Amino acid sequence: MITLNVDLGERSYPIFIGQDLLNDKSLIPPYISGRQIVIVTNETIAPLYLDKVLTLFSDYQCETVILPDGEVYKTYDGILPIIDRLMEKKFDRRVTLIALGGGVIGDMTGYAAAIYRRGVNFIQIPTTLLAQVDSSVGGKTGVNHPLGKNMIGAFHQPKCVLADTSTLNTLDDRQLSAGLAEVIKYALINSSSFFNWLGSNMSALNNRDPDALAYAIEFSCQDKANVVAADEREEGQRALLNLGHTFGHAIETGLGYGNCLHGEAVAIGMAMAADLSVRHGWIDTTVQQQIITLIEQANLPTQVPVVHGVRISVQKFIELMAGDKKVLDGQLHLVLMDALGSSFITSDFDTEKLNQTLHAFATA
């Protein structure tokens, strides 16, 4: 087992990474302050892991909430069953919510924990690669709005994160690839050596080699832990973690939540960021092709799809990006690249070049 630490002073917490951690009854109890627990999961994960997790808490007053599976349910109304259960059982401020599932469950459970009684504890047990390498760490919680992804939420840190890599054995190939998009993101932000490692080990990752996955998860989590410790509330450099996300969120919203997985949209967004960086002369086409090749090796898309006849126009891209969280004082901030493994945040980009990129990727 690997143990990392997110250093936030009194609110610091560990990330446990390893195989078969759900069999270890000693890991989570030290991070539970009361005797009341609500496990939140979904209809896909519950048959696989809920019973195993329940055995960890046989001595607690434990309730479960099983939500429908999918990004389309990540709404304010979608978290009400969690709040309803807490209210019905009259659970107090010492209750601990446990998120058992992927990024959607983690975001929804964390947000419910942030707003119930003005904030109660929660724990992340991520079961997808995307959640294990990214969304379970850092305290971003929230739900979607029809006009924008993750626009309703709160920063609310978990008490611990338990990433049992054996749960990835039940993950379908598409979801595995979606998680690899976030792994690639960390390489593009600040590590050309990790980018090269990914190029040499992508086949092993696609084939779920446990050692390769463990290293990729450890690297990604350590990188995010460092960034979060330095900039918890995204007032500066934490925004680098949004590489590909401003474009990606527009794609997810524009196509309808759930029609394009988050990781798939981020992969396309990284391809768009590379395209815009080339147009500014900040990277050359050789670097761009290396990026595209790695994304494709992870079995991820690099072009905006047409889903059920739904297309995204240039105008729609512009409208959705204008409502993104990275708009400050009316200016859109993008994460772009100036070398392989080096990214930066800027609002000083040529809008005509942005329009050229949007025209190159838009489908209508």
Protein backbone atom coordinates (compact mmCIF):
# COMPACT_ATOMS: atom_id res chain seq x y z
CA MET A 1 0.00 0.00 0.00
CA ILE A 2 1.13 3.53 -0.83
CA THR A 3 0.11 6.36 1.49
CA LEU A 4 0.24 9.98 0.31
CA ASN A 5 -0.72 13.09 2.24
CA VAL A 6 -2.64 16.19 1.21
CA ASP A 7 -1.04 18.82 3.42
CA LEU A 8 -3.71 21.29 4.52
CA GLY A 9 -2.68 21.85 8.12
CA GLU A 10 -5.40 20.71 10.52
CA ARG A 11 -7.47 19.50 7.55
CA SER A 12 -4.71 17.32 6.08
CA TYR A 13 -5.75 13.85 4.99
CA PRO A 14 -4.23 10.66 3.62
CA ILE A 15 -4.69 8.97 0.27
CA PHE A 16 -4.38 5.19 0.50
CA ILE A 17 -3.54 3.46 -2.80
CA GLY A 18 -3.26 -0.30 -3.25
CA GLN A 19 -4.91 -3.59 -4.10
CA ASP A 20 -7.65 -5.16 -1.98
CA LEU A 21 -7.79 -2.26 0.48
CA LEU A 22 -11.52 -2.83 0.96
CA ASN A 23 -10.55 -5.97 2.85
CA ASP A 24 -8.65 -3.94 5.45
CA LYS A 25 -10.99 -2.97 8.29
CA SER A 26 -8.37 -0.83 10.01
CA LEU A 27 -7.95 1.94 7.42
CA ILE A 28 -11.15 3.99 7.54
CA PRO A 29 -12.41 3.89 11.18
CA PRO A 30 -9.76 6.34 12.49
CA TYR A 31 -11.29 8.98 10.18
CA ILE A 32 -14.86 8.56 11.44
CA SER A 33 -15.71 10.73 14.44
CA GLY A 34 -19.23 9.54 15.25
CA ARG A 35 -21.26 6.34 15.04
CA GLN A 36 -23.50 7.35 12.13
CA ILE A 37 -22.63 6.54 8.52
CA VAL A 38 -24.39 6.96 5.18
CA ILE A 39 -22.87 5.11 2.24
CA VAL A 40 -23.81 6.70 -1.09
CA THR A 41 -23.33 4.64 -4.23
CA ASN A 42 -25.11 3.93 -7.51
CA GLU A 43 -26.99 1.10 -9.19
CA THR A 44 -23.88 -0.11 -11.02
CA ILE A 45 -21.46 -0.15 -8.09
CA ALA A 46 -23.85 -1.37 -5.37
CA PRO A 47 -24.06 -5.00 -6.59
CA LEU A 48 -20.26 -5.13 -6.89
CA TYR A 49 -18.93 -3.54 -3.71
CA LEU A 50 -21.66 -2.35 -1.34
CA ASP A 51 -21.81 -5.55 0.74
CA LYS A 52 -18.03 -5.57 1.13
CA VAL A 53 -18.02 -1.97 2.31
CA LEU A 54 -20.90 -2.60 4.69
CA THR A 55 -18.83 -5.24 6.48
CA LEU A 56 -16.33 -2.51 7.36
CA PHE A 57 -19.00 -0.74 9.41
CA SER A 58 -20.89 -3.51 11.17
CA ASP A 59 -20.49 -1.67 14.49
CA TYR A 60 -21.98 1.60 13.23
CA GLN A 61 -25.47 2.93 12.60
CA CYS A 62 -25.23 2.60 8.84
CA GLU A 63 -27.61 3.67 6.09
CA THR A 64 -27.25 3.35 2.33
CA VAL A 65 -28.44 5.53 -0.55
CA ILE A 66 -28.34 3.99 -4.02
CA LEU A 67 -28.61 6.56 -6.80
CA PRO A 68 -29.12 6.03 -10.54
CA ASP A 69 -25.89 5.85 -12.52
CA GLY A 70 -24.86 8.63 -14.87
CA GLU A 71 -23.73 12.22 -15.30
CA VAL A 72 -27.27 13.19 -16.27
CA TYR A 73 -28.32 12.65 -12.62
CA LYS A 74 -25.61 14.93 -11.22
CA THR A 75 -28.04 17.75 -10.45
CA TYR A 76 -29.29 19.59 -7.39
CA ASP A 77 -32.41 17.41 -7.39
CA GLY A 78 -30.14 14.39 -7.69
CA ILE A 79 -28.62 14.92 -4.25
CA LEU A 80 -31.98 15.27 -2.49
CA PRO A 81 -32.26 11.51 -1.76
CA ILE A 82 -29.04 11.85 0.25
CA ILE A 83 -30.34 14.85 2.18
CA ASP A 84 -33.73 13.17 2.65
CA ARG A 85 -32.14 10.09 4.22
CA LEU A 86 -30.03 12.21 6.57
CA MET A 87 -33.10 14.18 7.63
CA GLU A 88 -35.35 11.13 8.00
CA LYS A 89 -32.83 9.43 10.29
CA LYS A 90 -32.16 12.68 12.18
CA PHE A 91 -28.45 12.18 11.73
CA ASP A 92 -26.36 14.72 13.62
CA ARG A 93 -23.25 16.74 12.76
CA ARG A 94 -20.98 13.79 13.58
CA VAL A 95 -22.37 11.73 10.70
CA THR A 96 -19.91 10.64 8.02
CA LEU A 97 -20.94 10.28 4.39
CA ILE A 98 -19.01 7.74 2.34
CA ALA A 99 -18.84 8.11 -1.43
CA LEU A 100 -18.53 4.68 -3.05
CA GLY A 101 -18.24 5.09 -6.80
CA GLY A 102 -16.82 7.25 -9.55
CA GLY A 103 -16.50 10.98 -9.94
CA VAL A 104 -20.24 11.66 -10.12
CA ILE A 105 -20.92 9.89 -6.82
CA GLY A 106 -17.91 11.55 -5.22
CA ASP A 107 -18.97 15.04 -6.32
CA MET A 108 -22.59 14.57 -5.27
CA THR A 109 -21.79 12.98 -1.92
CA GLY A 110 -19.18 15.61 -1.14
CA TYR A 111 -21.60 18.41 -1.95
CA ALA A 112 -24.34 16.85 0.18
CA ALA A 113 -21.81 16.64 3.02
CA ALA A 114 -20.84 20.27 2.48
CA ILE A 115 -24.41 21.57 2.84
CA TYR A 116 -26.00 19.20 5.39
CA ARG A 117 -26.01 20.97 8.76
CA ARG A 118 -23.53 23.44 7.18
CA GLY A 119 -20.91 20.77 6.73
CA VAL A 120 -20.31 17.21 7.89
CA ASN A 121 -17.48 14.77 7.28
CA PHE A 122 -17.16 12.56 4.23
CA ILE A 123 -14.79 9.92 2.91
CA GLN A 124 -13.98 9.05 -0.69
CA ILE A 125 -13.80 5.43 -1.90
CA PRO A 126 -13.30 5.97 -5.65
CA THR A 127 -13.92 2.97 -7.90
CA THR A 128 -13.03 4.42 -11.32
CA LEU A 129 -9.61 5.40 -12.61
CA LEU A 130 -10.73 8.98 -13.23
CA ALA A 131 -11.91 9.32 -9.65
CA GLN A 132 -8.81 7.63 -8.22
CA VAL A 133 -6.36 9.87 -10.09
CA ASP A 134 -8.27 13.15 -9.93
CA SER A 135 -11.78 13.89 -8.73
CA SER A 136 -11.58 12.18 -5.32
CA VAL A 137 -8.64 14.38 -4.29
CA GLY A 138 -8.79 18.10 -3.66
CA GLY A 139 -12.21 18.79 -2.20
CA LYS A 140 -14.05 20.02 -5.28
CA THR A 141 -17.67 18.96 -4.89
CA GLY A 142 -20.79 19.95 -6.77
CA VAL A 143 -23.49 19.33 -9.32
CA ASN A 144 -24.21 20.43 -12.88
CA HIS A 145 -26.62 23.03 -14.20
CA PRO A 146 -28.17 22.95 -17.69
CA LEU A 147 -26.11 26.05 -18.55
CA GLY A 148 -22.79 24.82 -17.17
CA LYS A 149 -20.94 21.89 -15.64
CA ASN A 150 -20.04 21.97 -11.93
CA MET A 151 -21.38 25.49 -11.53
CA ILE A 152 -23.10 24.68 -8.21
CA GLY A 153 -20.75 23.39 -5.55
CA ALA A 154 -18.35 23.93 -2.69
CA PHE A 155 -14.79 23.24 -1.65
CA HIS A 156 -15.16 20.54 1.00
CA GLN A 157 -12.20 18.26 1.73
CA PRO A 158 -12.66 14.56 2.55
CA LYS A 159 -11.25 13.03 5.74
CA CYS A 160 -9.43 10.39 3.71
CA VAL A 161 -9.36 8.79 0.27
CA LEU A 162 -9.15 5.03 -0.18
CA ALA A 163 -8.27 4.00 -3.74
CA ASP A 164 -8.54 0.23 -4.02
CA THR A 165 -6.98 -0.47 -7.41
CA SER A 166 -8.59 -3.92 -7.56
CA THR A 167 -11.94 -2.19 -8.22
CA LEU A 168 -10.57 -1.20 -11.63
CA ASN A 169 -10.87 -4.85 -12.68
CA THR A 170 -14.65 -4.35 -13.04
CA LEU A 171 -14.31 -1.06 -14.91
CA ASP A 172 -15.30 -1.16 -18.58
CA ASP A 173 -12.72 -0.21 -21.20
CA ARG A 174 -14.35 3.09 -22.08
CA GLN A 175 -14.32 4.26 -18.46
CA LEU A 176 -10.70 3.12 -18.07
CA SER A 177 -9.71 5.24 -21.07
CA ALA A 178 -11.65 8.19 -19.65
CA GLY A 179 -9.50 7.99 -16.55
CA LEU A 180 -6.32 7.91 -18.60
CA ALA A 181 -7.23 11.33 -19.99
CA GLU A 182 -6.73 12.85 -16.55
CA VAL A 183 -3.44 10.94 -16.17
CA ILE A 184 -2.21 12.41 -19.47
CA LYS A 185 -3.24 15.84 -18.21
CA TYR A 186 -0.76 15.65 -15.33
CA ALA A 187 2.04 14.82 -17.76
CA LEU A 188 1.17 17.75 -20.03
CA ILE A 189 0.99 20.19 -17.13
CA ASN A 190 4.47 19.73 -15.71
CA SER A 191 6.31 16.49 -16.49
CA SER A 192 7.81 15.57 -19.84
CA SER A 193 9.44 12.53 -18.18
CA PHE A 194 6.02 11.24 -17.06
CA PHE A 195 4.73 11.92 -20.58
CA ASN A 196 7.53 9.72 -21.95
CA TRP A 197 6.78 7.06 -19.34
CA LEU A 198 3.14 7.04 -20.44
CA GLY A 199 4.21 6.62 -24.05
CA SER A 200 6.25 3.56 -23.10
CA ASN A 201 3.63 2.08 -20.77
CA MET A 202 0.28 2.90 -22.38
CA SER A 203 -0.20 -0.67 -23.54
CA ALA A 204 0.33 -1.92 -19.99
CA LEU A 205 -2.15 0.64 -18.68
CA ASN A 206 -4.74 -0.33 -21.29
CA ASN A 207 -4.24 -3.96 -20.26
CA ARG A 208 -4.70 -3.03 -16.56
CA ASP A 209 -1.22 -4.02 -15.46
CA PRO A 210 -1.45 -3.47 -11.67
CA ASP A 211 2.07 -2.08 -11.28
CA ALA A 212 1.64 0.38 -14.15
CA LEU A 213 -1.75 1.51 -12.84
CA ALA A 214 -0.42 1.91 -9.31
CA TYR A 215 2.43 4.11 -10.51
CA ALA A 216 0.15 6.24 -12.69
CA ILE A 217 -2.30 6.71 -9.81
CA GLU A 218 0.49 7.51 -7.34
CA PHE A 219 2.10 10.07 -9.66
CA SER A 220 -1.22 11.76 -10.45
CA CYS A 221 -2.38 11.88 -6.83
CA GLN A 222 0.96 13.18 -5.58
CA ASP A 223 0.95 15.87 -8.24
CA LYS A 224 -2.58 16.94 -7.37
CA ALA A 225 -1.87 16.79 -3.63
CA ASN A 226 1.06 19.17 -4.10
CA VAL A 227 -1.03 21.61 -6.13
CA VAL A 228 -3.99 21.51 -3.73
CA ALA A 229 -1.73 22.05 -0.71
CA ALA A 230 -0.32 25.17 -2.38
CA ASP A 231 -3.62 26.54 -3.76
CA GLU A 232 -6.64 24.86 -2.19
CA ARG A 233 -9.35 27.15 -3.54
CA GLU A 234 -8.01 27.62 -7.07
CA GLU A 235 -6.92 31.20 -6.67
CA GLY A 236 -3.76 30.66 -8.71
CA GLN A 237 -1.77 27.69 -9.94
CA ARG A 238 -4.43 25.07 -9.15
CA ALA A 239 -6.18 26.32 -12.29
CA LEU A 240 -3.47 24.49 -14.25
CA LEU A 241 -5.40 21.32 -13.42
CA ASN A 242 -8.10 22.63 -15.77
CA LEU A 243 -6.01 21.86 -18.86
CA GLY A 244 -8.50 20.72 -21.50
CA HIS A 245 -11.44 21.33 -19.17
CA THR A 246 -12.79 24.64 -20.46
CA PHE A 247 -13.18 23.15 -23.93
CA GLY A 248 -14.18 19.80 -22.42
CA HIS A 249 -16.93 21.18 -20.21
CA ALA A 250 -18.39 23.00 -23.21
CA ILE A 251 -18.44 19.69 -25.09
CA GLU A 252 -20.13 17.84 -22.22
CA THR A 253 -22.77 20.52 -21.77
CA GLY A 254 -23.28 21.07 -25.48
CA LEU A 255 -23.79 17.39 -26.27
CA GLY A 256 -25.92 16.78 -23.18
CA TYR A 257 -24.54 15.40 -19.94
CA GLY A 258 -23.62 11.74 -20.20
CA ASN A 259 -23.37 11.62 -24.00
CA CYS A 260 -19.63 12.24 -23.86
CA LEU A 261 -17.74 10.99 -20.82
CA HIS A 262 -15.86 13.62 -18.84
CA GLY A 263 -12.49 12.06 -19.64
CA GLU A 264 -13.35 11.84 -23.33
CA ALA A 265 -14.32 15.52 -23.38
CA VAL A 266 -11.10 16.45 -21.55
CA ALA A 267 -9.08 14.47 -24.11
CA ILE A 268 -10.67 16.45 -26.94
CA GLY A 269 -10.16 19.62 -24.91
CA MET A 270 -6.44 18.87 -24.58
CA ALA A 271 -6.25 18.36 -28.35
CA MET A 272 -7.94 21.74 -28.79
CA ALA A 273 -5.55 23.38 -26.31
CA ALA A 274 -2.62 21.92 -28.26
CA ASP A 275 -4.10 23.24 -31.51
CA LEU A 276 -4.50 26.75 -30.09
CA SER A 277 -0.98 26.62 -28.63
CA VAL A 278 0.39 25.74 -32.09
CA ARG A 279 -1.52 28.63 -33.67
CA HIS A 280 0.21 31.00 -31.24
CA GLY A 281 3.62 29.47 -31.93
CA TRP A 282 4.03 28.34 -28.32
CA ILE A 283 4.54 24.70 -29.33
CA ASP A 284 5.33 23.26 -32.74
CA THR A 285 3.42 20.67 -34.72
CA THR A 286 5.85 17.91 -33.69
CA VAL A 287 4.88 18.36 -30.04
CA GLN A 288 1.22 18.59 -31.03
CA GLN A 289 1.46 15.27 -32.87
CA GLN A 290 3.13 13.62 -29.87
CA ILE A 291 0.19 14.76 -27.73
CA ILE A 292 -2.41 13.55 -30.22
CA THR A 293 -0.63 10.19 -30.57
CA LEU A 294 -0.58 9.59 -26.81
CA ILE A 295 -4.26 10.49 -26.47
CA GLU A 296 -5.13 8.09 -29.29
CA GLN A 297 -2.97 5.35 -27.74
CA ALA A 298 -5.22 5.65 -24.69
CA ASN A 299 -8.19 4.92 -26.98
CA LEU A 300 -9.53 8.42 -26.51
CA PRO A 301 -11.11 10.77 -29.08
CA THR A 302 -9.36 13.88 -30.40
CA GLN A 303 -12.30 15.29 -32.37
CA VAL A 304 -15.69 16.53 -31.18
CA PRO A 305 -18.26 13.83 -31.93
CA VAL A 306 -21.79 14.17 -33.23
CA VAL A 307 -24.02 12.35 -30.72
CA HIS A 308 -27.59 11.38 -31.60
CA GLY A 309 -27.55 14.09 -34.22
CA VAL A 310 -26.46 16.77 -31.74
CA ARG A 311 -23.70 19.03 -33.05
CA ILE A 312 -21.78 21.85 -31.40
CA SER A 313 -21.41 25.03 -33.42
CA VAL A 314 -18.71 27.66 -33.00
CA GLN A 315 -21.33 30.01 -31.55
CA LYS A 316 -22.43 27.34 -29.05
CA PHE A 317 -18.81 26.80 -27.99
CA ILE A 318 -18.41 30.53 -27.42
CA GLU A 319 -21.63 30.77 -25.40
CA LEU A 320 -20.75 27.81 -23.18
CA MET A 321 -17.16 28.88 -22.62
CA ALA A 322 -18.35 32.38 -21.66
CA GLY A 323 -20.23 30.80 -18.76
CA ASP A 324 -17.28 28.71 -17.61
CA LYS A 325 -15.88 29.00 -14.07
CA LYS A 326 -12.56 30.16 -15.55
CA VAL A 327 -14.11 33.47 -16.67
CA LEU A 328 -12.85 36.20 -14.32
CA ASP A 329 -13.95 39.84 -14.65
CA GLY A 330 -15.39 39.03 -18.04
CA GLN A 331 -12.15 37.48 -19.34
CA LEU A 332 -11.79 33.84 -20.27
CA HIS A 333 -8.67 32.19 -18.87
CA LEU A 334 -7.32 29.13 -20.68
CA VAL A 335 -4.62 26.61 -19.83
CA LEU A 336 -2.31 26.32 -22.83
CA MET A 337 1.11 24.76 -23.50
CA ASP A 338 4.55 26.18 -24.21
CA ALA A 339 6.48 22.88 -24.27
CA LEU A 340 5.93 19.18 -23.79
CA GLY A 341 5.24 18.90 -20.07
CA SER A 342 4.85 22.64 -19.52
CA SER A 343 1.53 24.49 -19.33
CA PHE A 344 0.47 27.96 -18.25
CA ILE A 345 -2.68 29.96 -17.51
CA THR A 346 -3.44 32.93 -19.71
CA SER A 347 -6.14 35.35 -20.77
CA ASP A 348 -3.71 36.91 -23.23
CA PHE A 349 -4.53 34.88 -26.30
CA ASP A 350 -5.56 35.97 -29.76
CA THR A 351 -9.35 35.66 -30.03
CA GLU A 352 -9.10 35.23 -33.79
CA LYS A 353 -6.81 32.24 -33.27
CA LEU A 354 -9.29 30.86 -30.72
CA ASN A 355 -12.02 31.20 -33.35
CA GLN A 356 -9.79 29.31 -35.80
CA THR A 357 -9.42 26.46 -33.30
CA LEU A 358 -13.15 26.40 -32.65
CA HIS A 359 -13.86 26.29 -36.39
CA ALA A 360 -11.39 23.39 -36.72
CA PHE A 361 -13.19 21.33 -34.07
CA ALA A 362 -16.82 22.45 -34.15
CA THR A 363 -19.26 20.07 -35.83
CA ALA A 364 -21.82 22.60 -37.07
